[in-house]
Amino acid sequence: MKNINYKGYFFVAPFFLIFLTFNIYPVLLTFYYTFTHYEGYGTPEFIGLANYTRILTDTAFLDAFANTWKIWGLNFVLQMGIALLLAALFSDLRFRLKGVGFFRAVFYLPNLITISSVAILFNIMLDWHHGSINQMLLKIGLISEPINWLNGPVTAQVSVALILTWMWFGYTFIVLMAGVSGISKEYYEAALIDGANRWQTFSQITLPLLKPILLYVLITSLIGGLQLFDLPMLLTDGLGAPEGALNTMVLYLYNQAFRYNNYGYAATIAYALFLITVIFSFITFKSMYREAKATKKRG
C-alpha cells in the first residue's frame, strides 16, 4: 500500500474553513432563524412555521414585491431596448459606425460611479424647486410647473427605474456587442446582397442568434432587480417613501431586521426572496429551452 501524503490537505484547509465559517454557516443559521422569533439578543424562541404563514398574508411584503417588479420591469424594458438599438446600429454594415471601443467606455462609465454618489447627484437634479431637470423642462416648455419627482408614488418609481437604466444600459450594451461580435459577418453580407432591410436583418439574424446572450442578461438583471435596495434607501427616508412606493423586498427585509429587530421574520423574507428568484429563473430557462427545441424541430 502506497504511503499517502496528507500535507496537501493543510494547504486547502484554510479555504474550506473560511468557506464553511462565512458562507455555509450563515446560510444554515439564517434558515434556522426562519423558524424562530429572534430580536438579535437572548435565546431565539422557536415558533415553527409562523413566519412562513405570516409572509403569505403580509400586505406590506406583497406591496414590496409588487413595487420591486414595477421598478425592475420598467428598467429592464428601457435598458434592453436602448442596448438592442445601439447594438443594431453598431452592427449594421450600412452605417459602418466607428469608435465602438470609445462608446463602450462612455456608456459603461455610469456603472463605475458609486451608488451613494449617484443618489446624491440625482437628489440634486430631481430637487423640486432648484433641480436642473425641472429647470430644463420648464425652459423648453414641456411642463408648466415644477414636478416633485420623489414625492409621488408613480413619479418616484419611474425616476428610480430611469436612474437604473442610465446606470446599467452600458453594461447590457457591452454584453450584447460581445454576442454580436461572435456572429459571422457572412450572414450580414448575404442579407445585404439579398436586399434585406435593417429590420429584417436585425429580426432574422441578430435577434435569434443573440437569444442565449439575452437569456443571460435577463437572468442576471432579474437577480439584481429583485435585490434592489441601495438606491431607494438613499433617495428616500429609508422606509420606502412616498407612500411606500419605493419599499422594495430587500428594503423591507432590512427594516424588519435592523429597524424593528425582527430577525426571524427578516430571515424568512430572505428565503422567500431566494425562492422567488429560483422559480422565475427556472420558468425563464424552461420557456427558452422549449422555444429553442421547437425552433430546432421546425428547422
Protein backbone atom coordinates (compact mmCIF):
# COMPACT_ATOMS: atom_id res chain seq x y z
CA MET A 1 0.00 0.00 0.00
CA LYS A 2 1.41 3.36 -1.01
CA ASN A 3 2.07 5.99 1.61
CA ILE A 4 -0.39 8.89 1.33
CA ASN A 5 0.99 12.37 1.77
CA TYR A 6 -1.53 14.36 3.78
CA LYS A 7 0.40 17.62 3.65
CA GLY A 8 -1.72 18.86 0.75
CA TYR A 9 -4.79 18.94 2.96
CA PHE A 10 -3.16 21.56 5.17
CA PHE A 11 -2.82 23.87 2.16
CA VAL A 12 -6.51 23.64 1.16
CA ALA A 13 -7.83 23.60 4.74
CA PRO A 14 -7.87 27.44 5.16
CA PHE A 15 -10.16 27.84 2.16
CA PHE A 16 -12.65 25.27 3.43
CA LEU A 17 -12.58 26.67 6.96
CA ILE A 18 -13.28 30.20 5.71
CA PHE A 19 -15.94 28.95 3.28
CA LEU A 20 -17.74 26.94 5.97
CA THR A 21 -17.49 29.77 8.51
CA PHE A 22 -18.53 32.72 6.38
CA ASN A 23 -20.71 31.08 3.71
CA ILE A 24 -22.31 27.81 4.75
CA TYR A 25 -22.76 28.53 8.46
CA PRO A 26 -24.60 31.89 7.95
CA VAL A 27 -26.93 30.28 5.38
CA LEU A 28 -27.82 27.43 7.74
CA LEU A 29 -28.17 29.77 10.72
CA THR A 30 -30.47 32.07 8.74
CA PHE A 31 -32.60 29.08 7.80
CA TYR A 32 -32.86 28.16 11.48
CA TYR A 33 -33.94 31.72 12.34
CA THR A 34 -36.90 31.41 9.94
CA PHE A 35 -38.50 29.08 12.49
CA THR A 36 -37.93 31.42 15.41
CA HIS A 37 -38.82 34.77 16.90
CA TYR A 38 -35.46 36.41 17.46
CA GLU A 39 -34.72 40.05 18.31
CA GLY A 40 -30.94 39.88 17.99
CA TYR A 41 -30.20 39.08 21.63
CA GLY A 42 -31.05 36.33 24.05
CA THR A 43 -32.20 32.87 23.00
CA PRO A 44 -34.31 32.56 19.82
CA GLU A 45 -37.87 31.41 20.54
CA PHE A 46 -38.93 28.51 18.31
CA ILE A 47 -42.32 29.27 16.70
CA GLY A 48 -42.45 26.68 13.90
CA LEU A 49 -43.96 27.82 10.59
CA ALA A 50 -45.50 31.03 11.97
CA ASN A 51 -43.14 33.27 9.98
CA TYR A 52 -43.95 31.42 6.75
CA THR A 53 -47.66 31.71 7.46
CA ARG A 54 -47.29 35.41 8.16
CA ILE A 55 -45.43 36.17 4.93
CA LEU A 56 -48.29 34.76 2.84
CA THR A 57 -50.73 37.28 4.34
CA ASP A 58 -48.40 40.22 4.89
CA THR A 59 -49.78 43.02 2.71
CA ALA A 60 -46.65 45.13 3.25
CA PHE A 61 -44.47 42.35 1.84
CA LEU A 62 -46.86 41.85 -1.09
CA ASP A 63 -46.74 45.60 -1.80
CA ALA A 64 -42.93 45.49 -1.64
CA PHE A 65 -42.99 42.53 -4.04
CA ALA A 66 -45.16 44.49 -6.48
CA ASN A 67 -43.00 47.64 -6.17
CA THR A 68 -39.86 45.66 -6.92
CA TRP A 69 -41.35 44.17 -10.07
CA LYS A 70 -42.70 47.51 -11.29
CA ILE A 71 -39.35 49.26 -10.93
CA TRP A 72 -37.31 46.37 -12.33
CA GLY A 73 -39.75 45.75 -15.19
CA LEU A 74 -39.67 49.33 -16.46
CA ASN A 75 -35.91 49.50 -16.01
CA PHE A 76 -35.34 46.21 -17.88
CA VAL A 77 -37.54 47.14 -20.84
CA LEU A 78 -35.83 50.53 -21.26
CA GLN A 79 -32.35 49.15 -20.60
CA MET A 80 -32.74 46.27 -23.03
CA GLY A 81 -34.43 48.46 -25.64
CA ILE A 82 -31.63 51.04 -25.64
CA ALA A 83 -28.90 48.37 -25.62
CA LEU A 84 -30.51 46.45 -28.51
CA LEU A 85 -30.94 49.64 -30.53
CA LEU A 86 -27.29 50.56 -30.04
CA ALA A 87 -26.15 47.02 -30.82
CA ALA A 88 -28.21 47.06 -34.03
CA LEU A 89 -26.71 50.40 -35.08
CA PHE A 90 -23.11 49.40 -34.40
CA SER A 91 -23.50 46.02 -36.14
CA ASP A 92 -25.20 47.41 -39.25
CA LEU A 93 -22.86 47.14 -42.24
CA ARG A 94 -24.63 50.03 -43.96
CA PHE A 95 -23.76 52.51 -41.22
CA ARG A 96 -20.23 51.23 -40.54
CA LEU A 97 -20.03 53.29 -37.37
CA LYS A 98 -16.55 53.79 -35.96
CA GLY A 99 -15.29 54.16 -32.41
CA VAL A 100 -17.14 51.23 -30.80
CA GLY A 101 -14.47 50.99 -28.10
CA PHE A 102 -14.86 54.66 -27.20
CA PHE A 103 -18.65 54.39 -26.93
CA ARG A 104 -18.36 51.22 -24.84
CA ALA A 105 -16.26 53.12 -22.31
CA VAL A 106 -18.59 56.14 -22.28
CA PHE A 107 -21.76 54.07 -21.92
CA TYR A 108 -20.24 51.91 -19.18
CA LEU A 109 -18.94 54.90 -17.19
CA PRO A 110 -22.12 55.39 -15.05
CA ASN A 111 -21.72 51.82 -13.81
CA LEU A 112 -18.37 52.75 -12.25
CA ILE A 113 -19.82 55.52 -10.09
CA THR A 114 -20.63 54.52 -6.52
CA ILE A 115 -24.34 54.27 -5.78
CA SER A 116 -24.09 56.83 -2.98
CA SER A 117 -22.65 59.37 -5.43
CA VAL A 118 -25.42 58.58 -7.91
CA ALA A 119 -28.06 59.09 -5.20
CA ILE A 120 -26.60 62.47 -4.20
CA LEU A 121 -26.34 63.54 -7.84
CA PHE A 122 -29.95 62.71 -8.66
CA ASN A 123 -31.26 64.08 -5.36
CA ILE A 124 -29.87 67.42 -6.51
CA MET A 125 -31.03 67.05 -10.12
CA LEU A 126 -34.55 65.96 -9.10
CA ASP A 127 -34.96 68.70 -6.49
CA TRP A 128 -38.45 70.16 -6.66
CA HIS A 129 -37.55 73.86 -6.67
CA HIS A 130 -33.98 74.12 -7.93
CA GLY A 131 -33.29 70.80 -9.67
CA SER A 132 -31.72 71.00 -13.12
CA ILE A 133 -34.25 68.57 -14.63
CA ASN A 134 -37.24 70.72 -13.69
CA GLN A 135 -35.41 73.88 -14.79
CA MET A 136 -34.63 72.35 -18.18
CA LEU A 137 -38.19 71.06 -18.72
CA LEU A 138 -39.62 74.43 -17.74
CA LYS A 139 -37.27 76.24 -20.09
CA ILE A 140 -38.20 74.17 -23.14
CA GLY A 141 -41.90 74.32 -22.22
CA LEU A 142 -42.61 70.62 -21.61
CA ILE A 143 -44.04 71.37 -18.14
CA SER A 144 -45.79 74.45 -16.79
CA GLU A 145 -44.82 73.99 -13.12
CA PRO A 146 -42.09 72.06 -11.26
CA ILE A 147 -42.70 68.35 -10.61
CA ASN A 148 -41.88 66.88 -7.23
CA TRP A 149 -40.36 63.74 -8.71
CA LEU A 150 -39.65 61.91 -5.47
CA ASN A 151 -42.88 62.84 -3.71
CA GLY A 152 -45.39 60.99 -5.92
CA PRO A 153 -45.59 57.17 -5.97
CA VAL A 154 -45.61 56.86 -9.76
CA THR A 155 -43.00 59.54 -10.49
CA ALA A 156 -40.73 58.16 -7.75
CA GLN A 157 -40.84 54.63 -9.20
CA VAL A 158 -40.29 55.93 -12.74
CA SER A 159 -37.38 58.09 -11.53
CA VAL A 160 -35.63 55.13 -9.87
CA ALA A 161 -36.23 52.95 -12.95
CA LEU A 162 -34.73 55.64 -15.23
CA ILE A 163 -31.70 56.08 -12.97
CA LEU A 164 -31.11 52.32 -13.02
CA THR A 165 -31.47 52.33 -16.80
CA TRP A 166 -28.86 55.09 -17.08
CA MET A 167 -26.51 53.11 -14.83
CA TRP A 168 -26.87 49.69 -16.47
CA PHE A 169 -27.65 50.07 -20.18
CA GLY A 170 -23.93 50.42 -20.92
CA TYR A 171 -23.18 47.07 -19.32
CA THR A 172 -26.00 45.43 -21.26
CA PHE A 173 -24.76 47.05 -24.47
CA ILE A 174 -21.24 45.67 -23.93
CA VAL A 175 -22.60 42.15 -23.31
CA LEU A 176 -24.80 42.31 -26.42
CA MET A 177 -21.96 43.65 -28.56
CA ALA A 178 -19.81 40.75 -27.36
CA GLY A 179 -22.56 38.44 -28.61
CA VAL A 180 -22.84 40.33 -31.91
CA SER A 181 -19.09 40.08 -32.46
CA GLY A 182 -19.47 36.29 -32.33
CA ILE A 183 -21.95 36.30 -35.23
CA SER A 184 -20.30 35.66 -38.57
CA LYS A 185 -20.21 38.74 -40.81
CA GLU A 186 -21.08 36.46 -43.73
CA TYR A 187 -24.70 36.39 -42.53
CA TYR A 188 -24.95 40.18 -42.72
CA GLU A 189 -23.16 40.35 -46.05
CA ALA A 190 -25.51 37.73 -47.50
CA ALA A 191 -28.53 39.63 -46.16
CA LEU A 192 -27.17 42.85 -47.67
CA ILE A 193 -26.71 41.19 -51.07
CA ASP A 194 -30.23 39.69 -50.91
CA GLY A 195 -31.67 43.15 -50.30
CA ALA A 196 -32.86 42.61 -46.74
CA ASN A 197 -33.69 45.83 -44.93
CA ARG A 198 -32.36 46.75 -41.49
CA TRP A 199 -35.36 45.40 -39.59
CA GLN A 200 -35.27 42.08 -41.45
CA THR A 201 -31.54 41.74 -40.81
CA PHE A 202 -31.96 42.51 -37.12
CA SER A 203 -35.06 40.36 -36.52
CA GLN A 204 -34.00 37.38 -38.64
CA ILE A 205 -30.25 37.24 -37.94
CA THR A 206 -29.12 39.30 -34.95
CA LEU A 207 -32.00 38.69 -32.56
CA PRO A 208 -32.30 34.88 -32.97
CA LEU A 209 -28.54 34.36 -32.64
CA LEU A 210 -28.44 36.59 -29.56
CA LYS A 211 -31.04 34.58 -27.63
CA PRO A 212 -28.51 32.86 -25.31
CA ILE A 213 -26.98 36.26 -24.50
CA LEU A 214 -30.44 37.77 -23.97
CA LEU A 215 -31.28 34.93 -21.59
CA TYR A 216 -28.10 35.61 -19.62
CA VAL A 217 -28.90 39.34 -19.41
CA LEU A 218 -32.50 38.60 -18.37
CA ILE A 219 -31.49 36.21 -15.57
CA THR A 220 -28.70 38.40 -14.19
CA SER A 221 -30.89 41.51 -14.41
CA LEU A 222 -33.74 39.68 -12.67
CA ILE A 223 -31.49 38.56 -9.83
CA GLY A 224 -30.09 42.06 -9.44
CA GLY A 225 -33.51 43.68 -9.75
CA LEU A 226 -35.07 41.54 -7.03
CA GLN A 227 -32.22 42.65 -4.75
CA LEU A 228 -32.90 46.35 -5.36
CA PHE A 229 -32.10 48.17 -2.12
CA ASP A 230 -29.43 50.85 -2.15
CA LEU A 231 -30.96 53.46 -4.47
CA PRO A 232 -34.47 53.50 -2.87
CA MET A 233 -32.78 53.53 0.54
CA LEU A 234 -30.61 56.55 -0.25
CA LEU A 235 -33.20 58.53 -2.21
CA THR A 236 -35.89 58.37 0.49
CA ASP A 237 -36.30 58.21 4.25
CA GLY A 238 -35.24 54.56 4.29
CA LEU A 239 -38.83 53.38 4.68
CA GLY A 240 -39.77 53.44 1.01
CA ALA A 241 -41.46 56.84 0.84
CA PRO A 242 -43.52 58.23 -0.83
CA GLU A 243 -46.47 56.18 0.38
CA GLY A 244 -44.34 53.03 0.37
CA ALA A 245 -43.85 53.19 -3.42
CA LEU A 246 -40.10 52.61 -3.12
CA ASN A 247 -40.38 49.97 -0.42
CA THR A 248 -38.70 47.05 -2.21
CA MET A 249 -38.41 43.50 -0.86
CA VAL A 250 -34.82 43.90 0.31
CA LEU A 251 -35.54 47.31 1.85
CA TYR A 252 -38.48 45.74 3.70
CA LEU A 253 -36.18 42.89 4.82
CA TYR A 254 -33.58 45.39 6.03
CA ASN A 255 -36.08 47.38 8.06
CA GLN A 256 -37.57 44.25 9.63
CA ALA A 257 -34.12 43.17 10.78
CA PHE A 258 -32.32 46.38 11.72
CA ARG A 259 -35.11 48.85 12.43
CA TYR A 260 -37.66 46.59 14.12
CA ASN A 261 -35.23 43.89 15.38
CA ASN A 262 -37.35 41.09 13.94
CA TYR A 263 -34.53 38.87 12.70
CA GLY A 264 -36.63 35.72 12.44
CA TYR A 265 -39.13 37.29 10.07
CA ALA A 266 -36.34 39.04 8.12
CA ALA A 267 -34.67 35.67 7.61
CA THR A 268 -37.95 34.29 6.28
CA ILE A 269 -38.19 37.17 3.80
CA ALA A 270 -34.62 36.40 2.67
CA TYR A 271 -35.52 32.79 1.93
CA ALA A 272 -38.76 33.85 0.24
CA LEU A 273 -36.72 36.17 -1.99
CA PHE A 274 -34.36 33.32 -2.80
CA LEU A 275 -37.28 31.03 -3.66
CA ILE A 276 -38.91 33.69 -5.88
CA THR A 277 -35.62 34.18 -7.76
CA VAL A 278 -35.20 30.44 -8.30
CA ILE A 279 -38.79 29.99 -9.51
CA PHE A 280 -38.70 32.81 -12.06
CA SER A 281 -35.22 31.83 -13.26
CA PHE A 282 -36.43 28.26 -13.76
CA ILE A 283 -39.53 29.44 -15.64
CA THR A 284 -37.37 31.62 -17.90
CA PHE A 285 -34.89 28.81 -18.61
CA LYS A 286 -37.72 26.35 -19.27
CA SER A 287 -39.57 28.65 -21.68
CA MET A 288 -36.38 29.46 -23.59
CA TYR A 289 -35.48 25.75 -23.77
CA ARG A 290 -38.91 24.86 -25.16
CA GLU A 291 -38.69 27.64 -27.74
CA ALA A 292 -35.21 26.51 -28.81
CA LYS A 293 -36.42 22.91 -29.06
CA ALA A 294 -39.43 23.95 -31.17
CA THR A 295 -37.19 26.03 -33.44
CA LYS A 296 -34.86 23.09 -33.92
CA LYS A 297 -37.77 20.80 -34.89
CA ARG A 298 -39.06 23.35 -37.41
CA GLY A 299 -35.56 23.61 -38.88
